[in-house]
């Protein structure tokens, strides 16, 4: 799907796709974070994000929020970044 594409094209596709996952919660969690961090994401995290977005939207939201454990194949530096960002947002809203 992304073979042969340059990293900037992959980042743009990732940004578009992450904002239109199918559920509003996942769009807000993943889409907003990728929109902000996408240009800085290293190629390995871009690939991790692309793989993550093949999973079920509800599962992604549950993994990020910590409601369910992250399966090994998605327990990546990118998922750790998503979880940190989500926790940071929660703390900011409480202030």
PDB file of N, CA and C in Angstrom:
ATOM      1  N   UNK A   1       0.823  -1.193   0.000  1.00  0.00           N
ATOM      2  CA  UNK A   1       0.000   0.000   0.000  1.00  0.00           C
ATOM      3  C   UNK A   1       0.864   1.253   0.000  1.00  0.00           C
ATOM      4  N   UNK A   2       1.913   1.260   0.802  1.00  0.00           N
ATOM      5  CA  UNK A   2       2.759   2.446   0.852  1.00  0.00           C
ATOM      6  C   UNK A   2       4.127   2.197   0.236  1.00  0.00           C
ATOM      7  N   UNK A   3       4.302   1.026  -0.344  1.00  0.00           N
ATOM      8  CA  UNK A   3       5.595   0.709  -0.956  1.00  0.00           C
ATOM      9  C   UNK A   3       5.903   1.677  -2.082  1.00  0.00           C
ATOM     10  N   UNK A   4       7.115   2.153  -2.084  1.00  0.00           N
ATOM     11  CA  UNK A   4       7.560   3.041  -3.147  1.00  0.00           C
ATOM     12  C   UNK A   4       7.196   4.504  -2.947  1.00  0.00           C
ATOM     13  N   UNK A   5       6.441   4.811  -1.898  1.00  0.00           N
ATOM     14  CA  UNK A   5       6.066   6.197  -1.652  1.00  0.00           C
ATOM     15  C   UNK A   5       7.116   6.866  -0.776  1.00  0.00           C
ATOM     16  N   UNK A   6       7.373   8.136  -1.046  1.00  0.00           N
ATOM     17  CA  UNK A   6       8.319   8.866  -0.209  1.00  0.00           C
ATOM     18  C   UNK A   6       7.680   9.151   1.150  1.00  0.00           C
ATOM     19  N   UNK A   7       8.501   9.443   2.123  1.00  0.00           N
ATOM     20  CA  UNK A   7       8.037   9.609   3.504  1.00  0.00           C
ATOM     21  C   UNK A   7       7.057  10.769   3.647  1.00  0.00           C
ATOM     22  N   UNK A   8       7.236  11.830   2.905  1.00  0.00           N
ATOM     23  CA  UNK A   8       6.306  12.966   3.015  1.00  0.00           C
ATOM     24  C   UNK A   8       4.919  12.593   2.513  1.00  0.00           C
ATOM     25  N   UNK A   9       4.850  11.837   1.446  1.00  0.00           N
ATOM     26  CA  UNK A   9       3.552  11.373   0.937  1.00  0.00           C
ATOM     27  C   UNK A   9       2.895  10.458   1.958  1.00  0.00           C
ATOM     28  N   UNK A  10       3.680   9.576   2.546  1.00  0.00           N
ATOM     29  CA  UNK A  10       3.142   8.673   3.566  1.00  0.00           C
ATOM     30  C   UNK A  10       2.632   9.458   4.780  1.00  0.00           C
ATOM     31  N   UNK A  11       3.345  10.490   5.182  1.00  0.00           N
ATOM     32  CA  UNK A  11       2.895  11.312   6.313  1.00  0.00           C
ATOM     33  C   UNK A  11       1.582  12.024   5.984  1.00  0.00           C
ATOM     34  N   UNK A  12       1.478  12.554   4.764  1.00  0.00           N
ATOM     35  CA  UNK A  12       0.228  13.221   4.367  1.00  0.00           C
ATOM     36  C   UNK A  12      -0.932  12.239   4.345  1.00  0.00           C
ATOM     37  N   UNK A  13      -0.724  11.054   3.810  1.00  0.00           N
ATOM     38  CA  UNK A  13      -1.775  10.032   3.789  1.00  0.00           C
ATOM     39  C   UNK A  13      -2.166   9.614   5.203  1.00  0.00           C
ATOM     40  N   UNK A  14      -1.168   9.477   6.050  1.00  0.00           N
ATOM     41  CA  UNK A  14      -1.415   9.098   7.433  1.00  0.00           C
ATOM     42  C   UNK A  14      -2.252  10.169   8.130  1.00  0.00           C
ATOM     43  N   UNK A  15      -1.921  11.413   7.897  1.00  0.00           N
ATOM     44  CA  UNK A  15      -2.688  12.504   8.520  1.00  0.00           C
ATOM     45  C   UNK A  15      -4.148  12.465   8.069  1.00  0.00           C
ATOM     46  N   UNK A  16      -4.368  12.292   6.782  1.00  0.00           N
ATOM     47  CA  UNK A  16      -5.737  12.220   6.263  1.00  0.00           C
ATOM     48  C   UNK A  16      -6.472  11.013   6.850  1.00  0.00           C
ATOM     49  N   UNK A  17      -5.832   9.865   6.781  1.00  0.00           N
ATOM     50  CA  UNK A  17      -6.469   8.631   7.221  1.00  0.00           C
ATOM     51  C   UNK A  17      -6.749   8.631   8.722  1.00  0.00           C
ATOM     52  N   UNK A  18      -5.856   9.184   9.508  1.00  0.00           N
ATOM     53  CA  UNK A  18      -6.032   9.181  10.962  1.00  0.00           C
ATOM     54  C   UNK A  18      -7.156  10.108  11.408  1.00  0.00           C
ATOM     55  N   UNK A  19      -7.519  11.064  10.611  1.00  0.00           N
ATOM     56  CA  UNK A  19      -8.607  11.981  10.949  1.00  0.00           C
ATOM     57  C   UNK A  19      -9.959  11.456  10.488  1.00  0.00           C
ATOM     58  N   UNK A  20      -9.960  10.338   9.786  1.00  0.00           N
ATOM     59  CA  UNK A  20     -11.195   9.759   9.251  1.00  0.00           C
ATOM     60  C   UNK A  20     -11.198   8.241   9.466  1.00  0.00           C
ATOM     61  N   UNK A  21     -11.071   7.853  10.735  1.00  0.00           N
ATOM     62  CA  UNK A  21     -10.958   6.428  11.043  1.00  0.00           C
ATOM     63  C   UNK A  21     -12.287   5.710  11.019  1.00  0.00           C
ATOM     64  N   UNK A  22     -13.345   6.404  11.323  1.00  0.00           N
ATOM     65  CA  UNK A  22     -14.652   5.775  11.375  1.00  0.00           C
ATOM     66  C   UNK A  22     -15.376   6.062  12.673  1.00  0.00           C
ATOM     67  N   UNK A  23     -14.630   6.330  13.734  1.00  0.00           N
ATOM     68  CA  UNK A  23     -15.267   6.727  14.991  1.00  0.00           C
ATOM     69  C   UNK A  23     -14.693   8.067  15.431  1.00  0.00           C
ATOM     70  N   UNK A  24     -15.548   8.898  15.952  1.00  0.00           N
ATOM     71  CA  UNK A  24     -15.141  10.248  16.341  1.00  0.00           C
ATOM     72  C   UNK A  24     -14.074  10.225  17.432  1.00  0.00           C
ATOM     73  N   UNK A  25     -14.218   9.294  18.383  1.00  0.00           N
ATOM     74  CA  UNK A  25     -13.246   9.215  19.472  1.00  0.00           C
ATOM     75  C   UNK A  25     -11.842   8.945  18.939  1.00  0.00           C
ATOM     76  N   UNK A  26     -11.729   7.990  18.022  1.00  0.00           N
ATOM     77  CA  UNK A  26     -10.421   7.651  17.463  1.00  0.00           C
ATOM     78  C   UNK A  26      -9.909   8.784  16.590  1.00  0.00           C
ATOM     79  N   UNK A  27     -10.810   9.419  15.844  1.00  0.00           N
ATOM     80  CA  UNK A  27     -10.407  10.580  15.044  1.00  0.00           C
ATOM     81  C   UNK A  27      -9.777  11.649  15.933  1.00  0.00           C
ATOM     82  N   UNK A  28     -10.415  11.901  17.076  1.00  0.00           N
ATOM     83  CA  UNK A  28      -9.909  12.946  17.976  1.00  0.00           C
ATOM     84  C   UNK A  28      -8.602  12.534  18.635  1.00  0.00           C
ATOM     85  N   UNK A  29      -8.540  11.316  19.106  1.00  0.00           N
ATOM     86  CA  UNK A  29      -7.321  10.861  19.781  1.00  0.00           C
ATOM     87  C   UNK A  29      -6.145  10.751  18.828  1.00  0.00           C
ATOM     88  N   UNK A  30      -6.332   9.991  17.774  1.00  0.00           N
ATOM     89  CA  UNK A  30      -5.224   9.702  16.861  1.00  0.00           C
ATOM     90  C   UNK A  30      -5.037  10.823  15.846  1.00  0.00           C
ATOM     91  N   UNK A  31      -6.122  11.261  15.249  1.00  0.00           N
ATOM     92  CA  UNK A  31      -6.039  12.277  14.200  1.00  0.00           C
ATOM     93  C   UNK A  31      -5.407  13.569  14.647  1.00  0.00           C
ATOM     94  N   UNK A  32      -5.824  14.061  15.806  1.00  0.00           N
ATOM     95  CA  UNK A  32      -5.263  15.318  16.308  1.00  0.00           C
ATOM     96  C   UNK A  32      -3.776  15.190  16.637  1.00  0.00           C
ATOM     97  N   UNK A  33      -3.422  14.071  17.233  1.00  0.00           N
ATOM     98  CA  UNK A  33      -2.015  13.871  17.605  1.00  0.00           C
ATOM     99  C   UNK A  33      -1.146  13.747  16.363  1.00  0.00           C
ATOM    100  N   UNK A  34      -1.609  12.984  15.381  1.00  0.00           N
ATOM    101  CA  UNK A  34      -0.831  12.841  14.141  1.00  0.00           C
ATOM    102  C   UNK A  34      -0.765  14.159  13.390  1.00  0.00           C
ATOM    103  N   UNK A  35      -1.836  14.928  13.411  1.00  0.00           N
ATOM    104  CA  UNK A  35      -1.810  16.233  12.739  1.00  0.00           C
ATOM    105  C   UNK A  35      -0.723  17.123  13.334  1.00  0.00           C
ATOM    106  N   UNK A  36      -0.558  17.037  14.643  1.00  0.00           N
ATOM    107  CA  UNK A  36       0.433  17.865  15.315  1.00  0.00           C
ATOM    108  C   UNK A  36       1.841  17.288  15.199  1.00  0.00           C
ATOM    109  N   UNK A  37       1.979  15.979  15.347  1.00  0.00           N
ATOM    110  CA  UNK A  37       3.298  15.356  15.383  1.00  0.00           C
ATOM    111  C   UNK A  37       3.753  14.775  14.054  1.00  0.00           C
ATOM    112  N   UNK A  38       2.840  14.604  13.123  1.00  0.00           N
ATOM    113  CA  UNK A  38       3.135  13.917  11.865  1.00  0.00           C
ATOM    114  C   UNK A  38       4.384  14.358  11.143  1.00  0.00           C
ATOM    115  N   UNK A  39       4.607  15.660  10.973  1.00  0.00           N
ATOM    116  CA  UNK A  39       5.809  16.094  10.262  1.00  0.00           C
ATOM    117  C   UNK A  39       7.107  15.709  10.971  1.00  0.00           C
ATOM    118  N   UNK A  40       7.019  15.449  12.269  1.00  0.00           N
ATOM    119  CA  UNK A  40       8.203  15.090  13.043  1.00  0.00           C
ATOM    120  C   UNK A  40       8.387  13.581  13.190  1.00  0.00           C
ATOM    121  N   UNK A  41       7.359  12.814  12.841  1.00  0.00           N
ATOM    122  CA  UNK A  41       7.439  11.370  13.057  1.00  0.00           C
ATOM    123  C   UNK A  41       8.528  10.740  12.200  1.00  0.00           C
ATOM    124  N   UNK A  42       9.401   9.967  12.818  1.00  0.00           N
ATOM    125  CA  UNK A  42      10.414   9.268  12.032  1.00  0.00           C
ATOM    126  C   UNK A  42       9.762   8.157  11.208  1.00  0.00           C
ATOM    127  N   UNK A  43      10.402   7.725  10.144  1.00  0.00           N
ATOM    128  CA  UNK A  43       9.812   6.710   9.262  1.00  0.00           C
ATOM    129  C   UNK A  43       9.342   5.437   9.974  1.00  0.00           C
ATOM    130  N   UNK A  44      10.072   4.996  10.993  1.00  0.00           N
ATOM    131  CA  UNK A  44       9.640   3.781  11.686  1.00  0.00           C
ATOM    132  C   UNK A  44       8.324   3.998  12.429  1.00  0.00           C
ATOM    133  N   UNK A  45       8.113   5.179  12.989  1.00  0.00           N
ATOM    134  CA  UNK A  45       6.847   5.462  13.660  1.00  0.00           C
ATOM    135  C   UNK A  45       5.723   5.705  12.661  1.00  0.00           C
ATOM    136  N   UNK A  46       6.042   6.219  11.498  1.00  0.00           N
ATOM    137  CA  UNK A  46       5.034   6.338  10.440  1.00  0.00           C
ATOM    138  C   UNK A  46       4.532   4.939  10.087  1.00  0.00           C
ATOM    139  N   UNK A  47       5.437   4.001   9.919  1.00  0.00           N
ATOM    140  CA  UNK A  47       5.055   2.618   9.599  1.00  0.00           C
ATOM    141  C   UNK A  47       4.234   2.009  10.736  1.00  0.00           C
ATOM    142  N   UNK A  48       4.611   2.290  11.967  1.00  0.00           N
ATOM    143  CA  UNK A  48       3.854   1.775  13.113  1.00  0.00           C
ATOM    144  C   UNK A  48       2.438   2.352  13.129  1.00  0.00           C
ATOM    145  N   UNK A  49       2.313   3.626  12.828  1.00  0.00           N
ATOM    146  CA  UNK A  49       0.998   4.271  12.786  1.00  0.00           C
ATOM    147  C   UNK A  49       0.156   3.702  11.650  1.00  0.00           C
ATOM    148  N   UNK A  50       0.771   3.479  10.509  1.00  0.00           N
ATOM    149  CA  UNK A  50       0.045   2.890   9.382  1.00  0.00           C
ATOM    150  C   UNK A  50      -0.505   1.511   9.759  1.00  0.00           C
ATOM    151  N   UNK A  51       0.329   0.698  10.430  1.00  0.00           N
ATOM    152  CA  UNK A  51      -0.130  -0.636  10.871  1.00  0.00           C
ATOM    153  C   UNK A  51      -1.232  -0.512  11.916  1.00  0.00           C
ATOM    154  N   UNK A  52      -1.079   0.426  12.844  1.00  0.00           N
ATOM    155  CA  UNK A  52      -2.083   0.615  13.885  1.00  0.00           C
ATOM    156  C   UNK A  52      -3.447   0.914  13.278  1.00  0.00           C
ATOM    157  N   UNK A  53      -3.478   1.727  12.251  1.00  0.00           N
ATOM    158  CA  UNK A  53      -4.749   2.133  11.663  1.00  0.00           C
ATOM    159  C   UNK A  53      -5.447   1.011  10.896  1.00  0.00           C
ATOM    160  N   UNK A  54      -4.815  -0.149  10.810  1.00  0.00           N
ATOM    161  CA  UNK A  54      -5.504  -1.307  10.220  1.00  0.00           C
ATOM    162  C   UNK A  54      -6.344  -2.031  11.273  1.00  0.00           C
ATOM    163  N   UNK A  55      -6.154  -1.687  12.544  1.00  0.00           N
ATOM    164  CA  UNK A  55      -6.901  -2.316  13.642  1.00  0.00           C
ATOM    165  C   UNK A  55      -8.287  -1.676  13.762  1.00  0.00           C
ATOM    166  N   UNK A  56      -9.125  -2.334  14.528  1.00  0.00           N
ATOM    167  CA  UNK A  56     -10.477  -1.855  14.801  1.00  0.00           C
ATOM    168  C   UNK A  56     -10.413  -0.556  15.593  1.00  0.00           C
ATOM    169  N   UNK A  57     -11.232   0.425  15.216  1.00  0.00           N
ATOM    170  CA  UNK A  57     -11.233   1.746  15.853  1.00  0.00           C
ATOM    171  C   UNK A  57     -11.498   1.673  17.354  1.00  0.00           C
ATOM    172  N   UNK A  58     -12.456   0.864  17.757  1.00  0.00           N
ATOM    173  CA  UNK A  58     -12.789   0.743  19.176  1.00  0.00           C
ATOM    174  C   UNK A  58     -11.605   0.163  19.941  1.00  0.00           C
ATOM    175  N   UNK A  59     -10.936  -0.813  19.355  1.00  0.00           N
ATOM    176  CA  UNK A  59      -9.750  -1.380  20.002  1.00  0.00           C
ATOM    177  C   UNK A  59      -8.668  -0.324  20.173  1.00  0.00           C
ATOM    178  N   UNK A  60      -8.432   0.460  19.135  1.00  0.00           N
ATOM    179  CA  UNK A  60      -7.406   1.510  19.204  1.00  0.00           C
ATOM    180  C   UNK A  60      -7.705   2.470  20.351  1.00  0.00           C
ATOM    181  N   UNK A  61      -8.948   2.922  20.431  1.00  0.00           N
ATOM    182  CA  UNK A  61      -9.342   3.834  21.500  1.00  0.00           C
ATOM    183  C   UNK A  61      -9.141   3.194  22.865  1.00  0.00           C
ATOM    184  N   UNK A  62      -9.529   1.937  23.005  1.00  0.00           N
ATOM    185  CA  UNK A  62      -9.367   1.236  24.279  1.00  0.00           C
ATOM    186  C   UNK A  62      -7.899   1.055  24.651  1.00  0.00           C
ATOM    187  N   UNK A  63      -7.044   0.796  23.697  1.00  0.00           N
ATOM    188  CA  UNK A  63      -5.615   0.639  23.963  1.00  0.00           C
ATOM    189  C   UNK A  63      -5.011   1.962  24.414  1.00  0.00           C
ATOM    190  N   UNK A  64      -5.351   3.022  23.698  1.00  0.00           N
ATOM    191  CA  UNK A  64      -4.795   4.333  24.038  1.00  0.00           C
ATOM    192  C   UNK A  64      -5.239   4.773  25.427  1.00  0.00           C
ATOM    193  N   UNK A  65      -6.503   4.539  25.734  1.00  0.00           N
ATOM    194  CA  UNK A  65      -7.039   4.976  27.023  1.00  0.00           C
ATOM    195  C   UNK A  65      -6.625   4.067  28.172  1.00  0.00           C
ATOM    196  N   UNK A  66      -6.099   2.886  27.855  1.00  0.00           N
ATOM    197  CA  UNK A  66      -5.683   1.959  28.890  1.00  0.00           C
ATOM    198  C   UNK A  66      -6.788   1.040  29.381  1.00  0.00           C
ATOM    199  N   UNK A  67      -7.949   1.098  28.737  1.00  0.00           N
ATOM    200  CA  UNK A  67      -9.051   0.213  29.143  1.00  0.00           C
ATOM    201  C   UNK A  67      -8.747  -1.249  28.881  1.00  0.00           C
ATOM    202  N   UNK A  68      -7.998  -1.508  27.821  1.00  0.00           N
ATOM    203  CA  UNK A  68      -7.584  -2.882  27.515  1.00  0.00           C
ATOM    204  C   UNK A  68      -6.092  -2.869  27.194  1.00  0.00           C
ATOM    205  N   UNK A  69      -5.422  -3.991  27.438  1.00  0.00           N
ATOM    206  CA  UNK A  69      -3.978  -4.036  27.162  1.00  0.00           C
ATOM    207  C   UNK A  69      -3.694  -3.948  25.661  1.00  0.00           C
ATOM    208  N   UNK A  70      -2.579  -3.339  25.353  1.00  0.00           N
ATOM    209  CA  UNK A  70      -2.146  -3.217  23.963  1.00  0.00           C
ATOM    210  C   UNK A  70      -1.529  -4.553  23.533  1.00  0.00           C
ATOM    211  N   UNK A  71      -2.009  -5.138  22.429  1.00  0.00           N
ATOM    212  CA  UNK A  71      -1.396  -6.385  21.968  1.00  0.00           C
ATOM    213  C   UNK A  71       0.043  -6.149  21.506  1.00  0.00           C
ATOM    214  N   UNK A  72       0.826  -7.188  21.563  1.00  0.00           N
ATOM    215  CA  UNK A  72       2.267  -7.089  21.272  1.00  0.00           C
ATOM    216  C   UNK A  72       2.551  -6.438  19.925  1.00  0.00           C
ATOM    217  N   UNK A  73       1.772  -6.765  18.904  1.00  0.00           N
ATOM    218  CA  UNK A  73       2.067  -6.224  17.570  1.00  0.00           C
ATOM    219  C   UNK A  73       1.842  -4.716  17.471  1.00  0.00           C
ATOM    220  N   UNK A  74       1.096  -4.149  18.410  1.00  0.00           N
ATOM    221  CA  UNK A  74       0.853  -2.703  18.408  1.00  0.00           C
ATOM    222  C   UNK A  74       1.499  -2.002  19.608  1.00  0.00           C
ATOM    223  N   UNK A  75       2.237  -2.751  20.404  1.00  0.00           N
ATOM    224  CA  UNK A  75       2.933  -2.171  21.551  1.00  0.00           C
ATOM    225  C   UNK A  75       4.278  -1.623  21.071  1.00  0.00           C
ATOM    226  N   UNK A  76       4.214  -0.455  20.464  1.00  0.00           N
ATOM    227  CA  UNK A  76       5.342   0.144  19.755  1.00  0.00           C
ATOM    228  C   UNK A  76       5.671   1.515  20.343  1.00  0.00           C
ATOM    229  N   UNK A  77       6.792   2.088  19.959  1.00  0.00           N
ATOM    230  CA  UNK A  77       7.086   3.463  20.387  1.00  0.00           C
ATOM    231  C   UNK A  77       5.984   4.454  19.974  1.00  0.00           C
ATOM    232  N   UNK A  78       5.363   4.233  18.823  1.00  0.00           N
ATOM    233  CA  UNK A  78       4.289   5.135  18.402  1.00  0.00           C
ATOM    234  C   UNK A  78       3.091   5.022  19.348  1.00  0.00           C
ATOM    235  N   UNK A  79       2.722   3.799  19.734  1.00  0.00           N
ATOM    236  CA  UNK A  79       1.607   3.624  20.674  1.00  0.00           C
ATOM    237  C   UNK A  79       1.955   4.270  22.014  1.00  0.00           C
ATOM    238  N   UNK A  80       3.184   4.115  22.464  1.00  0.00           N
ATOM    239  CA  UNK A  80       3.595   4.757  23.710  1.00  0.00           C
ATOM    240  C   UNK A  80       3.447   6.272  23.601  1.00  0.00           C
ATOM    241  N   UNK A  81       3.798   6.818  22.453  1.00  0.00           N
ATOM    242  CA  UNK A  81       3.657   8.263  22.228  1.00  0.00           C
ATOM    243  C   UNK A  81       2.179   8.661  22.273  1.00  0.00           C
ATOM    244  N   UNK A  82       1.321   7.888  21.631  1.00  0.00           N
ATOM    245  CA  UNK A  82      -0.115   8.183  21.653  1.00  0.00           C
ATOM    246  C   UNK A  82      -0.653   8.164  23.081  1.00  0.00           C
ATOM    247  N   UNK A  83      -0.252   7.176  23.839  1.00  0.00           N
ATOM    248  CA  UNK A  83      -0.738   7.053  25.213  1.00  0.00           C
ATOM    249  C   UNK A  83      -0.252   8.218  26.076  1.00  0.00           C
ATOM    250  N   UNK A  84       1.015   8.618  25.905  1.00  0.00           N
ATOM    251  CA  UNK A  84       1.525   9.776  26.652  1.00  0.00           C
ATOM    252  C   UNK A  84       0.753  11.045  26.299  1.00  0.00           C
ATOM    253  N   UNK A  85       0.525  11.239  25.012  1.00  0.00           N
ATOM    254  CA  UNK A  85      -0.209  12.430  24.562  1.00  0.00           C
ATOM    255  C   UNK A  85      -1.628  12.438  25.109  1.00  0.00           C
ATOM    256  N   UNK A  86      -2.280  11.289  25.089  1.00  0.00           N
ATOM    257  CA  UNK A  86      -3.649  11.193  25.604  1.00  0.00           C
ATOM    258  C   UNK A  86      -3.685  11.483  27.102  1.00  0.00           C
ATOM    259  N   UNK A  87      -2.719  10.952  27.847  1.00  0.00           N
ATOM    260  CA  UNK A  87      -2.648  11.205  29.293  1.00  0.00           C
ATOM    261  C   UNK A  87      -2.391  12.689  29.561  1.00  0.00           C
ATOM    262  N   UNK A  88      -1.542  13.290  28.762  1.00  0.00           N
ATOM    263  CA  UNK A  88      -1.242  14.702  28.918  1.00  0.00           C
ATOM    264  C   UNK A  88      -2.499  15.542  28.689  1.00  0.00           C
ATOM    265  N   UNK A  89      -3.272  15.179  27.699  1.00  0.00           N
ATOM    266  CA  UNK A  89      -4.513  15.908  27.425  1.00  0.00           C
ATOM    267  C   UNK A  89      -5.486  15.799  28.578  1.00  0.00           C
ATOM    268  N   UNK A  90      -5.588  14.604  29.154  1.00  0.00           N
ATOM    269  CA  UNK A  90      -6.489  14.410  30.296  1.00  0.00           C
ATOM    270  C   UNK A  90      -6.075  15.284  31.468  1.00  0.00           C
ATOM    271  N   UNK A  91      -4.773  15.326  31.740  1.00  0.00           N
ATOM    272  CA  UNK A  91      -4.288  16.159  32.839  1.00  0.00           C
ATOM    273  C   UNK A  91      -4.577  17.641  32.569  1.00  0.00           C
ATOM    274  N   UNK A  92      -4.372  18.064  31.324  1.00  0.00           N
ATOM    275  CA  UNK A  92      -4.621  19.466  30.978  1.00  0.00           C
ATOM    276  C   UNK A  92      -6.080  19.844  31.149  1.00  0.00           C
ATOM    277  N   UNK A  93      -6.981  18.937  30.831  1.00  0.00           N
ATOM    278  CA  UNK A  93      -8.411  19.225  30.958  1.00  0.00           C
ATOM    279  C   UNK A  93      -8.834  19.331  32.414  1.00  0.00           C
ATOM    280  N   UNK A  94      -8.146  18.647  33.291  1.00  0.00           N
ATOM    281  CA  UNK A  94      -8.505  18.655  34.713  1.00  0.00           C
ATOM    282  C   UNK A  94      -8.096  19.951  35.401  1.00  0.00           C
ATOM    283  N   UNK A  95      -7.182  20.672  34.823  1.00  0.00           N
ATOM    284  CA  UNK A  95      -6.684  21.911  35.443  1.00  0.00           C
ATOM    285  C   UNK A  95      -7.655  23.033  35.339  1.00  0.00           C
TER     286      UNK A  95
END
